[in-house]
C-alpha atoms as a PDB file:
ATOM      1  CA  MET A   1      -2.065  99.118-189.194  1.00  0.00           C
ATOM      2  CA  LEU A   2      -2.405 100.939-185.895  1.00  0.00           C
ATOM      3  CA  ASN A   3      -1.852 104.515-184.809  1.00  0.00           C
ATOM      4  CA  VAL A   4       0.390 104.178-181.774  1.00  0.00           C
ATOM      5  CA  LEU A   5       2.148 107.035-180.036  1.00  0.00           C
ATOM      6  CA  ARG A   6       1.372 109.319-183.009  1.00  0.00           C
ATOM      7  CA  ARG A   7       2.873 106.835-185.484  1.00  0.00           C
ATOM      8  CA  VAL A   8       1.399 104.300-187.880  1.00  0.00           C
ATOM      9  CA  VAL A   9       2.782 100.862-187.000  1.00  0.00           C
ATOM     10  CA  GLY A  10       2.208  97.255-187.907  1.00  0.00           C
ATOM     11  CA  VAL A  11       1.878  94.544-185.279  1.00  0.00           C
ATOM     12  CA  VAL A  12       2.851  90.884-185.578  1.00  0.00           C
ATOM     13  CA  VAL A  13       0.544  88.520-183.681  1.00  0.00           C
ATOM     14  CA  ASP A  14       0.293  84.754-183.369  1.00  0.00           C
ATOM     15  CA  ALA A  15      -3.325  84.598-184.554  1.00  0.00           C
ATOM     16  CA  VAL A  16      -6.459  86.654-185.132  1.00  0.00           C
ATOM     17  CA  SER A  17      -9.781  84.930-184.654  1.00  0.00           C
ATOM     18  CA  ASP A  18     -12.086  87.859-185.475  1.00  0.00           C
ATOM     19  CA  VAL A  19     -12.037  91.539-186.216  1.00  0.00           C
ATOM     20  CA  VAL A  20     -15.144  93.298-184.945  1.00  0.00           C
ATOM     21  CA  GLU A  21     -16.371  96.850-184.663  1.00  0.00           C
ATOM     22  CA  ILE A  22     -17.633  97.800-181.213  1.00  0.00           C
ATOM     23  CA  ALA A  23     -19.615 100.967-180.532  1.00  0.00           C
ATOM     24  CA  ALA A  24     -18.321 103.030-177.607  1.00  0.00           C
ATOM     25  CA  GLU A  25     -21.644 102.696-175.784  1.00  0.00           C
ATOM     26  CA  ASP A  26     -21.267  98.876-175.870  1.00  0.00           C
ATOM     27  CA  ILE A  27     -18.004  98.954-173.899  1.00  0.00           C
ATOM     28  CA  MET A  28     -18.435  98.387-170.164  1.00  0.00           C
ATOM     29  CA  PRO A  29     -15.813  99.330-167.550  1.00  0.00           C
ATOM     30  CA  PRO A  30     -13.100  96.725-166.956  1.00  0.00           C
ATOM     31  CA  PRO A  31     -13.581  94.323-164.059  1.00  0.00           C
ATOM     32  CA  GLN A  32     -11.773  94.995-160.793  1.00  0.00           C
ATOM     33  CA  LEU A  33      -9.165  92.248-160.533  1.00  0.00           C
ATOM     34  CA  GLY A  34      -7.384  93.318-157.371  1.00  0.00           C
ATOM     35  CA  THR A  35      -4.604  95.600-158.602  1.00  0.00           C
ATOM     36  CA  ALA A  36      -4.504  98.338-161.205  1.00  0.00           C
ATOM     37  CA  ALA A  37      -1.369  96.758-162.692  1.00  0.00           C
ATOM     38  CA  LEU A  38      -3.468  93.848-163.949  1.00  0.00           C
ATOM     39  CA  THR A  39      -6.039  96.029-165.720  1.00  0.00           C
ATOM     40  CA  GLU A  40      -4.273  99.317-166.513  1.00  0.00           C
ATOM     41  CA  HIS A  41      -4.131  98.520-170.260  1.00  0.00           C
ATOM     42  CA  ILE A  42      -7.761  97.306-170.440  1.00  0.00           C
ATOM     43  CA  VAL A  43     -10.218  99.955-171.671  1.00  0.00           C
ATOM     44  CA  GLY A  44     -13.220  97.781-170.939  1.00  0.00           C
ATOM     45  CA  VAL A  45     -15.153  94.690-171.913  1.00  0.00           C
ATOM     46  CA  ALA A  46     -17.912  94.087-174.417  1.00  0.00           C
ATOM     47  CA  SER A  47     -20.226  91.205-175.187  1.00  0.00           C
ATOM     48  CA  ARG A  48     -20.656  89.868-178.720  1.00  0.00           C
ATOM     49  CA  ASP A  49     -22.414  86.655-179.785  1.00  0.00           C
ATOM     50  CA  GLU A  50     -22.301  85.202-176.263  1.00  0.00           C
ATOM     51  CA  ARG A  51     -18.561  85.963-175.982  1.00  0.00           C
ATOM     52  CA  MET A  52     -16.812  88.401-173.694  1.00  0.00           C
ATOM     53  CA  LEU A  53     -14.318  90.633-175.504  1.00  0.00           C
ATOM     54  CA  ILE A  54     -11.522  92.529-173.791  1.00  0.00           C
ATOM     55  CA  VAL A  55     -10.835  95.951-175.298  1.00  0.00           C
ATOM     56  CA  LEU A  56      -7.168  96.963-174.925  1.00  0.00           C
ATOM     57  CA  ASP A  57      -5.462 100.346-175.012  1.00  0.00           C
ATOM     58  CA  ILE A  58      -2.529  99.335-177.200  1.00  0.00           C
ATOM     59  CA  GLU A  59      -0.410 102.331-176.117  1.00  0.00           C
ATOM     60  CA  ARG A  60      -0.732 101.346-172.449  1.00  0.00           C
ATOM     61  CA  ALA A  61      -0.002  97.704-173.322  1.00  0.00           C
ATOM     62  CA  LEU A  62       3.358  98.670-174.836  1.00  0.00           C
ATOM     63  CA  SER A  63       6.294  98.755-172.477  1.00  0.00           C
ATOM     64  CA  ASP A  64       8.522 101.815-172.113  1.00  0.00           C
ATOM     65  CA  GLU A  65      11.135  99.893-174.095  1.00  0.00           C
ATOM     66  CA  ASP A  66       8.618  99.290-176.907  1.00  0.00           C
ATOM     67  CA  ALA A  67       7.885 103.026-177.042  1.00  0.00           C
ATOM     68  CA  ARG A  68      11.605 103.801-177.066  1.00  0.00           C
ATOM     69  CA  GLN A  69      12.124 101.399-179.967  1.00  0.00           C
ATOM     70  CA  LEU A  70       9.304 103.093-181.918  1.00  0.00           C
ATOM     71  CA  ASP A  71      10.976 106.471-181.350  1.00  0.00           C
ATOM     72  CA  LEU A  72      14.351 105.096-182.478  1.00  0.00           C
ATOM     73  CA  ALA A  73      12.845 103.529-185.606  1.00  0.00           C
ATOM     74  CA  ALA A  74      11.055 106.758-186.513  1.00  0.00           C
ATOM     75  CA  THR A  75      14.256 108.750-186.066  1.00  0.00           C
ATOM     76  CA  ALA A  76      16.286 106.309-188.174  1.00  0.00           C
ATOM     77  CA  HIS A  77      13.659 106.170-190.963  1.00  0.00           C
ATOM     78  CA  PRO A  78      11.778 109.490-191.037  1.00  0.00           C
ATOM     79  CA  GLY A  79       8.631 109.883-193.151  1.00  0.00           C
END
């Protein structure tokens, strides 16, 4: 479960390879890839066991339509 836009939501994904805990001090700024649109939802990157991990801001990754759907679902099924 995730807290997204002040709501607890579940997310369906194709696969999960690992779940890891990353300390804030281990997160480096995201790389500059040319335009902000490409990296606006990336909080940063971290290294773990010789792998590079991308840390996402799930709220920024959601589209405006996704946020609207969350609001509609919460209104239709309060509490």
